[in-house]
Amino acid sequence: MRRMNLPIILCVAVCLAFSGSVLWAQPSEDSLIQAWEQLQKSDPKIVTLKKMGTRRYTFKTEYFPFDGELRIKDAIVGETGGGMVSDYFMGIIEVELVGFSKEIYKQHNYRYSMWAGNNNLYFDKKHGKWLSVREFQNAMIAKSNQMSRSSLDIGNYAIILLAVVGIYVSLRLYRRSGKTTKIALQKQEEAIARNDVGIALSEKSMQLAEESNKLLKEILEVLKSKN
């Protein structure tokens, strides 16, 4: 009985471990915020990111002049769509920089956009982790290159197949053309031979005609002399 229960227990444990890992791999708002915090802290231009409370931070950056409170207004997790990005979820952190004026934003809008890019993340379903925009772009480039190599391999096989077919057709045409040329030459030789025979016969006929004319002249001269 114990021997029978042991495999069952092992199977249940494996299933629970697998289901647990799958559940852990699912994206959530909390995991998105944690990944965003780590990404902000790893940025050398972020001087301060210290948690003050729920979704509230003391924030200072070198991207633009700001040293104050940052609030996370919303953390959004959603599907990216189909195609190449179907293996990823999209995560967006909506923030508010308390006291950050429109004038400062207009003066530093490019630098602000550089920093705001880190507020967008992508969750890799296969590896169960959040990626920065740069990491996501690198993953897309690698995937695109892999697809290009695959399509290139298919293209190479197609080119080789077309080349083989082309060579085969060319050989068939060459052989057919050779046979046709040989027959044409034979017919031409036969025609030339027939032409030569005709010319010979024509020359013989002309020779006989000349001899006949000569004979007739001689007969006429004989008859004239007798008269």
C-alpha atoms as a PDB file:
ATOM      1  CA  MET A   1       0.000   0.000   0.000  1.00  0.00           C
ATOM      2  CA  ARG A   2       2.820   2.356   0.854  1.00  0.00           C
ATOM      3  CA  ARG A   3       4.571   1.514  -2.429  1.00  0.00           C
ATOM      4  CA  MET A   4       1.424   2.435  -4.361  1.00  0.00           C
ATOM      5  CA  ASN A   5       0.949   5.684  -2.449  1.00  0.00           C
ATOM      6  CA  LEU A   6       4.498   6.894  -3.068  1.00  0.00           C
ATOM      7  CA  PRO A   7       4.130   7.369  -6.882  1.00  0.00           C
ATOM      8  CA  ILE A   8       0.776   9.089  -6.324  1.00  0.00           C
ATOM      9  CA  ILE A   9       2.312  11.480  -3.795  1.00  0.00           C
ATOM     10  CA  LEU A  10       5.188  12.243  -6.148  1.00  0.00           C
ATOM     11  CA  CYS A  11       2.793  12.945  -9.016  1.00  0.00           C
ATOM     12  CA  VAL A  12       0.703  15.266  -6.854  1.00  0.00           C
ATOM     13  CA  ALA A  13       3.820  17.084  -5.675  1.00  0.00           C
ATOM     14  CA  VAL A  14       5.061  17.563  -9.212  1.00  0.00           C
ATOM     15  CA  CYS A  15       1.657  18.838 -10.347  1.00  0.00           C
ATOM     16  CA  LEU A  16       1.484  21.269  -7.439  1.00  0.00           C
ATOM     17  CA  ALA A  17       5.002  22.489  -8.117  1.00  0.00           C
ATOM     18  CA  PHE A  18       4.246  22.955 -11.787  1.00  0.00           C
ATOM     19  CA  SER A  19       0.954  24.734 -11.142  1.00  0.00           C
ATOM     20  CA  GLY A  20       2.671  26.915  -8.572  1.00  0.00           C
ATOM     21  CA  SER A  21       5.367  27.934 -11.026  1.00  0.00           C
ATOM     22  CA  VAL A  22       2.729  28.703 -13.652  1.00  0.00           C
ATOM     23  CA  LEU A  23       0.786  30.844 -11.206  1.00  0.00           C
ATOM     24  CA  TRP A  24       3.976  32.595 -10.128  1.00  0.00           C
ATOM     25  CA  ALA A  25       4.792  33.286 -13.763  1.00  0.00           C
ATOM     26  CA  GLN A  26       1.532  35.167 -14.327  1.00  0.00           C
ATOM     27  CA  PRO A  27       1.949  38.973 -14.422  1.00  0.00           C
ATOM     28  CA  SER A  28       0.225  41.185 -11.893  1.00  0.00           C
ATOM     29  CA  GLU A  29       0.133  44.836 -10.921  1.00  0.00           C
ATOM     30  CA  ASP A  30       2.323  44.132  -7.897  1.00  0.00           C
ATOM     31  CA  SER A  31       4.964  42.288  -9.923  1.00  0.00           C
ATOM     32  CA  LEU A  32       4.853  45.098 -12.496  1.00  0.00           C
ATOM     33  CA  ILE A  33       5.466  47.738  -9.821  1.00  0.00           C
ATOM     34  CA  GLN A  34       8.305  45.698  -8.311  1.00  0.00           C
ATOM     35  CA  ALA A  35       9.957  45.329 -11.709  1.00  0.00           C
ATOM     36  CA  TRP A  36       9.492  49.065 -12.331  1.00  0.00           C
ATOM     37  CA  GLU A  37      11.154  49.876  -8.990  1.00  0.00           C
ATOM     38  CA  GLN A  38      14.140  47.681  -9.825  1.00  0.00           C
ATOM     39  CA  LEU A  39      14.420  49.256 -13.266  1.00  0.00           C
ATOM     40  CA  GLN A  40      14.352  52.776 -11.815  1.00  0.00           C
ATOM     41  CA  LYS A  41      16.997  51.913  -9.205  1.00  0.00           C
ATOM     42  CA  SER A  42      19.270  50.354 -11.834  1.00  0.00           C
ATOM     43  CA  ASP A  43      19.204  53.566 -13.904  1.00  0.00           C
ATOM     44  CA  PRO A  44      22.368  55.588 -13.099  1.00  0.00           C
ATOM     45  CA  LYS A  45      20.509  58.851 -13.743  1.00  0.00           C
ATOM     46  CA  ILE A  46      17.982  58.141 -11.001  1.00  0.00           C
ATOM     47  CA  VAL A  47      19.473  59.667  -7.859  1.00  0.00           C
ATOM     48  CA  THR A  48      16.708  58.776  -5.396  1.00  0.00           C
ATOM     49  CA  LEU A  49      13.756  56.394  -5.364  1.00  0.00           C
ATOM     50  CA  LYS A  50      12.612  55.813  -1.796  1.00  0.00           C
ATOM     51  CA  LYS A  51       9.247  54.410  -0.874  1.00  0.00           C
ATOM     52  CA  MET A  52       7.085  56.723   1.282  1.00  0.00           C
ATOM     53  CA  GLY A  53       3.887  54.681   1.318  1.00  0.00           C
ATOM     54  CA  THR A  54       1.564  52.757  -0.972  1.00  0.00           C
ATOM     55  CA  ARG A  55       2.603  53.709  -4.493  1.00  0.00           C
ATOM     56  CA  ARG A  56       4.303  56.895  -3.229  1.00  0.00           C
ATOM     57  CA  TYR A  57       8.026  57.640  -3.502  1.00  0.00           C
ATOM     58  CA  THR A  58      10.629  60.305  -2.914  1.00  0.00           C
ATOM     59  CA  PHE A  59      12.070  60.779  -6.368  1.00  0.00           C
ATOM     60  CA  LYS A  60      15.067  62.667  -7.777  1.00  0.00           C
ATOM     61  CA  THR A  61      16.565  62.360 -11.217  1.00  0.00           C
ATOM     62  CA  GLU A  62      19.286  63.839 -13.409  1.00  0.00           C
ATOM     63  CA  TYR A  63      17.172  63.566 -16.537  1.00  0.00           C
ATOM     64  CA  PHE A  64      15.419  66.810 -15.659  1.00  0.00           C
ATOM     65  CA  PRO A  65      15.302  69.086 -12.616  1.00  0.00           C
ATOM     66  CA  PHE A  66      12.974  67.344 -10.165  1.00  0.00           C
ATOM     67  CA  ASP A  67      13.362  66.424  -6.514  1.00  0.00           C
ATOM     68  CA  GLY A  68      10.041  65.622  -4.900  1.00  0.00           C
ATOM     69  CA  GLU A  69       7.192  63.158  -4.651  1.00  0.00           C
ATOM     70  CA  LEU A  70       6.323  60.591  -7.317  1.00  0.00           C
ATOM     71  CA  ARG A  71       2.946  58.883  -7.219  1.00  0.00           C
ATOM     72  CA  ILE A  72       1.890  55.814  -9.178  1.00  0.00           C
ATOM     73  CA  LYS A  73      -1.589  56.633 -10.424  1.00  0.00           C
ATOM     74  CA  ASP A  74      -2.167  53.259 -12.101  1.00  0.00           C
ATOM     75  CA  ALA A  75      -0.419  50.025 -13.035  1.00  0.00           C
ATOM     76  CA  ILE A  76      -1.899  48.478 -16.169  1.00  0.00           C
ATOM     77  CA  VAL A  77      -1.281  44.936 -17.414  1.00  0.00           C
ATOM     78  CA  GLY A  78      -2.704  43.899 -20.769  1.00  0.00           C
ATOM     79  CA  GLU A  79      -2.238  41.772 -23.862  1.00  0.00           C
ATOM     80  CA  THR A  80       0.096  43.052 -26.545  1.00  0.00           C
ATOM     81  CA  GLY A  81      -1.750  41.386 -29.419  1.00  0.00           C
ATOM     82  CA  GLY A  82      -0.871  38.629 -31.880  1.00  0.00           C
ATOM     83  CA  GLY A  83       2.031  37.880 -34.156  1.00  0.00           C
ATOM     84  CA  MET A  84       5.581  38.247 -32.897  1.00  0.00           C
ATOM     85  CA  VAL A  85       4.480  39.901 -29.638  1.00  0.00           C
ATOM     86  CA  SER A  86       1.938  37.229 -28.674  1.00  0.00           C
ATOM     87  CA  ASP A  87       4.390  35.788 -26.122  1.00  0.00           C
ATOM     88  CA  TYR A  88       4.366  39.000 -24.077  1.00  0.00           C
ATOM     89  CA  PHE A  89       2.116  41.036 -21.826  1.00  0.00           C
ATOM     90  CA  MET A  90       2.404  44.809 -21.792  1.00  0.00           C
ATOM     91  CA  GLY A  91       2.764  46.753 -18.562  1.00  0.00           C
ATOM     92  CA  ILE A  92       2.339  50.507 -18.142  1.00  0.00           C
ATOM     93  CA  ILE A  93       3.068  52.555 -15.026  1.00  0.00           C
ATOM     94  CA  GLU A  94       1.156  55.831 -14.981  1.00  0.00           C
ATOM     95  CA  VAL A  95       2.957  58.321 -12.752  1.00  0.00           C
ATOM     96  CA  GLU A  96       2.450  61.805 -11.394  1.00  0.00           C
ATOM     97  CA  LEU A  97       5.372  64.042 -10.422  1.00  0.00           C
ATOM     98  CA  VAL A  98       3.877  66.274  -7.764  1.00  0.00           C
ATOM     99  CA  GLY A  99       4.633  69.937  -8.517  1.00  0.00           C
ATOM    100  CA  PHE A 100       6.214  69.215 -11.907  1.00  0.00           C
ATOM    101  CA  SER A 101       5.140  72.185 -14.036  1.00  0.00           C
ATOM    102  CA  LYS A 102       4.286  72.231 -17.733  1.00  0.00           C
ATOM    103  CA  GLU A 103       6.997  74.824 -18.325  1.00  0.00           C
ATOM    104  CA  ILE A 104       9.714  72.488 -17.007  1.00  0.00           C
ATOM    105  CA  TYR A 105       8.230  69.670 -19.077  1.00  0.00           C
ATOM    106  CA  LYS A 106       8.355  71.782 -22.245  1.00  0.00           C
ATOM    107  CA  GLN A 107      11.969  72.736 -21.547  1.00  0.00           C
ATOM    108  CA  HIS A 108      13.030  69.112 -20.955  1.00  0.00           C
ATOM    109  CA  ASN A 109      10.440  67.122 -22.922  1.00  0.00           C
ATOM    110  CA  TYR A 110      13.072  65.017 -24.718  1.00  0.00           C
ATOM    111  CA  ARG A 111      14.834  64.034 -21.484  1.00  0.00           C
ATOM    112  CA  TYR A 112      11.466  63.408 -19.856  1.00  0.00           C
ATOM    113  CA  SER A 113      10.555  61.050 -22.708  1.00  0.00           C
ATOM    114  CA  MET A 114      13.848  59.193 -22.226  1.00  0.00           C
ATOM    115  CA  TRP A 115      12.995  58.619 -18.576  1.00  0.00           C
ATOM    116  CA  ALA A 116       9.318  57.863 -19.229  1.00  0.00           C
ATOM    117  CA  GLY A 117      10.375  54.999 -21.525  1.00  0.00           C
ATOM    118  CA  ASN A 118      11.243  53.049 -18.370  1.00  0.00           C
ATOM    119  CA  ASN A 119       7.618  53.274 -17.294  1.00  0.00           C
ATOM    120  CA  ASN A 120       6.709  50.751 -19.998  1.00  0.00           C
ATOM    121  CA  LEU A 121       7.618  47.099 -19.451  1.00  0.00           C
ATOM    122  CA  TYR A 122       6.893  43.790 -21.166  1.00  0.00           C
ATOM    123  CA  PHE A 123       6.253  40.473 -19.464  1.00  0.00           C
ATOM    124  CA  ASP A 124       7.897  37.447 -21.065  1.00  0.00           C
ATOM    125  CA  LYS A 125       5.379  34.593 -20.756  1.00  0.00           C
ATOM    126  CA  LYS A 126       7.929  31.871 -21.467  1.00  0.00           C
ATOM    127  CA  HIS A 127      10.516  33.005 -18.924  1.00  0.00           C
ATOM    128  CA  GLY A 128       8.088  34.546 -16.440  1.00  0.00           C
ATOM    129  CA  LYS A 129       9.780  37.914 -15.989  1.00  0.00           C
ATOM    130  CA  TRP A 130       9.345  41.590 -16.820  1.00  0.00           C
ATOM    131  CA  LEU A 131      11.592  43.154 -19.478  1.00  0.00           C
ATOM    132  CA  SER A 132      12.556  46.755 -20.046  1.00  0.00           C
ATOM    133  CA  VAL A 133      11.834  48.374 -23.406  1.00  0.00           C
ATOM    134  CA  ARG A 134      15.444  47.823 -24.479  1.00  0.00           C
ATOM    135  CA  GLU A 135      15.382  44.159 -23.448  1.00  0.00           C
ATOM    136  CA  PHE A 136      12.078  43.725 -25.263  1.00  0.00           C
ATOM    137  CA  GLN A 137      13.469  45.341 -28.411  1.00  0.00           C
ATOM    138  CA  ASN A 138      16.521  43.056 -28.305  1.00  0.00           C
ATOM    139  CA  ALA A 139      14.242  40.033 -27.923  1.00  0.00           C
ATOM    140  CA  MET A 140      12.184  41.157 -30.930  1.00  0.00           C
ATOM    141  CA  ILE A 141      15.339  41.694 -33.005  1.00  0.00           C
ATOM    142  CA  ALA A 142      16.613  38.221 -32.092  1.00  0.00           C
ATOM    143  CA  LYS A 143      13.240  36.690 -32.937  1.00  0.00           C
ATOM    144  CA  SER A 144      13.096  38.576 -36.230  1.00  0.00           C
ATOM    145  CA  ASN A 145      16.607  37.422 -37.143  1.00  0.00           C
ATOM    146  CA  GLN A 146      15.668  33.838 -36.333  1.00  0.00           C
ATOM    147  CA  MET A 147      12.575  34.081 -38.544  1.00  0.00           C
ATOM    148  CA  SER A 148      14.646  35.676 -41.305  1.00  0.00           C
ATOM    149  CA  ARG A 149      17.189  32.854 -41.130  1.00  0.00           C
ATOM    150  CA  SER A 150      14.380  30.304 -41.299  1.00  0.00           C
ATOM    151  CA  SER A 151      12.782  32.010 -44.291  1.00  0.00           C
ATOM    152  CA  LEU A 152      16.246  32.381 -45.844  1.00  0.00           C
ATOM    153  CA  ASP A 153      16.836  28.641 -45.459  1.00  0.00           C
ATOM    154  CA  ILE A 154      13.493  27.955 -47.124  1.00  0.00           C
ATOM    155  CA  GLY A 155      14.409  30.442 -49.829  1.00  0.00           C
ATOM    156  CA  ASN A 156      17.756  28.716 -50.354  1.00  0.00           C
ATOM    157  CA  TYR A 157      16.061  25.344 -50.737  1.00  0.00           C
ATOM    158  CA  ALA A 158      13.629  26.883 -53.215  1.00  0.00           C
ATOM    159  CA  ILE A 159      16.492  28.422 -55.202  1.00  0.00           C
ATOM    160  CA  ILE A 160      18.364  25.111 -55.274  1.00  0.00           C
ATOM    161  CA  LEU A 161      15.209  23.317 -56.405  1.00  0.00           C
ATOM    162  CA  LEU A 162      14.600  25.889 -59.130  1.00  0.00           C
ATOM    163  CA  ALA A 163      18.236  25.599 -60.230  1.00  0.00           C
ATOM    164  CA  VAL A 164      17.967  21.794 -60.477  1.00  0.00           C
ATOM    165  CA  VAL A 165      14.723  22.073 -62.434  1.00  0.00           C
ATOM    166  CA  GLY A 166      16.312  24.706 -64.686  1.00  0.00           C
ATOM    167  CA  ILE A 167      19.334  22.499 -65.382  1.00  0.00           C
ATOM    168  CA  TYR A 168      17.066  19.535 -66.140  1.00  0.00           C
ATOM    169  CA  VAL A 169      14.909  21.565 -68.518  1.00  0.00           C
ATOM    170  CA  SER A 170      18.002  23.025 -70.178  1.00  0.00           C
ATOM    171  CA  LEU A 171      19.437  19.538 -70.752  1.00  0.00           C
ATOM    172  CA  ARG A 172      16.156  18.351 -72.213  1.00  0.00           C
ATOM    173  CA  LEU A 173      15.994  21.362 -74.508  1.00  0.00           C
ATOM    174  CA  TYR A 174      19.643  20.916 -75.452  1.00  0.00           C
ATOM    175  CA  ARG A 175      19.106  17.276 -76.337  1.00  0.00           C
ATOM    176  CA  ARG A 176      15.944  18.050 -78.251  1.00  0.00           C
ATOM    177  CA  SER A 177      17.685  20.918 -80.011  1.00  0.00           C
ATOM    178  CA  GLY A 178      20.596  18.590 -80.881  1.00  0.00           C
ATOM    179  CA  LYS A 179      18.251  16.029 -82.375  1.00  0.00           C
ATOM    180  CA  THR A 180      16.407  18.707 -84.311  1.00  0.00           C
ATOM    181  CA  THR A 181      19.664  20.170 -85.593  1.00  0.00           C
ATOM    182  CA  LYS A 182      20.914  16.726 -86.606  1.00  0.00           C
ATOM    183  CA  ILE A 183      17.700  15.997 -88.517  1.00  0.00           C
ATOM    184  CA  ALA A 184      17.826  19.414 -90.144  1.00  0.00           C
ATOM    185  CA  LEU A 185      21.432  18.842 -91.226  1.00  0.00           C
ATOM    186  CA  GLN A 186      20.562  15.427 -92.617  1.00  0.00           C
ATOM    187  CA  LYS A 187      17.671  16.894 -94.577  1.00  0.00           C
ATOM    188  CA  GLN A 188      19.872  19.715 -95.762  1.00  0.00           C
ATOM    189  CA  GLU A 189      22.520  17.236 -96.914  1.00  0.00           C
ATOM    190  CA  GLU A 190      19.854  15.204 -98.676  1.00  0.00           C
ATOM    191  CA  ALA A 191      18.518  18.347-100.330  1.00  0.00           C
ATOM    192  CA  ILE A 192      22.022  19.327-101.417  1.00  0.00           C
ATOM    193  CA  ALA A 193      22.571  15.830-102.784  1.00  0.00           C
ATOM    194  CA  ARG A 194      19.291  16.020-104.665  1.00  0.00           C
ATOM    195  CA  ASN A 195      20.240  19.433-105.942  1.00  0.00           C
ATOM    196  CA  ASP A 196      23.591  18.123-107.135  1.00  0.00           C
ATOM    197  CA  VAL A 197      21.852  15.313-109.007  1.00  0.00           C
ATOM    198  CA  GLY A 198      19.462  17.794-110.585  1.00  0.00           C
ATOM    199  CA  ILE A 199      22.311  20.034-111.642  1.00  0.00           C
ATOM    200  CA  ALA A 200      24.119  17.034-113.149  1.00  0.00           C
ATOM    201  CA  LEU A 201      21.004  15.964-115.024  1.00  0.00           C
ATOM    202  CA  SER A 202      20.436  19.511-116.203  1.00  0.00           C
ATOM    203  CA  GLU A 203      24.012  19.708-117.464  1.00  0.00           C
ATOM    204  CA  LYS A 204      23.592  16.348-119.217  1.00  0.00           C
ATOM    205  CA  SER A 205      20.363  17.529-120.843  1.00  0.00           C
ATOM    206  CA  MET A 206      22.045  20.702-122.041  1.00  0.00           C
ATOM    207  CA  GLN A 207      24.926  18.654-123.456  1.00  0.00           C
ATOM    208  CA  LEU A 208      22.497  16.368-125.322  1.00  0.00           C
ATOM    209  CA  ALA A 209      20.606  19.388-126.625  1.00  0.00           C
ATOM    210  CA  GLU A 210      23.797  20.967-127.924  1.00  0.00           C
ATOM    211  CA  GLU A 211      24.803  17.715-129.585  1.00  0.00           C
ATOM    212  CA  SER A 212      21.317  17.418-131.127  1.00  0.00           C
ATOM    213  CA  ASN A 213      21.472  20.984-132.412  1.00  0.00           C
ATOM    214  CA  LYS A 214      24.923  20.342-133.861  1.00  0.00           C
ATOM    215  CA  LEU A 215      23.667  17.207-135.578  1.00  0.00           C
ATOM    216  CA  LEU A 216      20.667  19.051-137.007  1.00  0.00           C
ATOM    217  CA  LYS A 217      22.907  21.792-138.385  1.00  0.00           C
ATOM    218  CA  GLU A 218      25.088  19.247-140.067  1.00  0.00           C
ATOM    219  CA  ILE A 219      22.032  17.561-141.649  1.00  0.00           C
ATOM    220  CA  LEU A 220      20.741  20.907-142.880  1.00  0.00           C
ATOM    221  CA  GLU A 221      24.098  21.764-144.445  1.00  0.00           C
ATOM    222  CA  VAL A 222      24.172  18.398-146.219  1.00  0.00           C
ATOM    223  CA  LEU A 223      20.685  18.934-147.593  1.00  0.00           C
ATOM    224  CA  LYS A 224      21.577  22.455-148.772  1.00  0.00           C
ATOM    225  CA  SER A 225      24.669  21.194-150.553  1.00  0.00           C
ATOM    226  CA  LYS A 226      22.631  18.579-152.480  1.00  0.00           C
ATOM    227  CA  ASN A 227      20.179  21.190-153.672  1.00  0.00           C
END
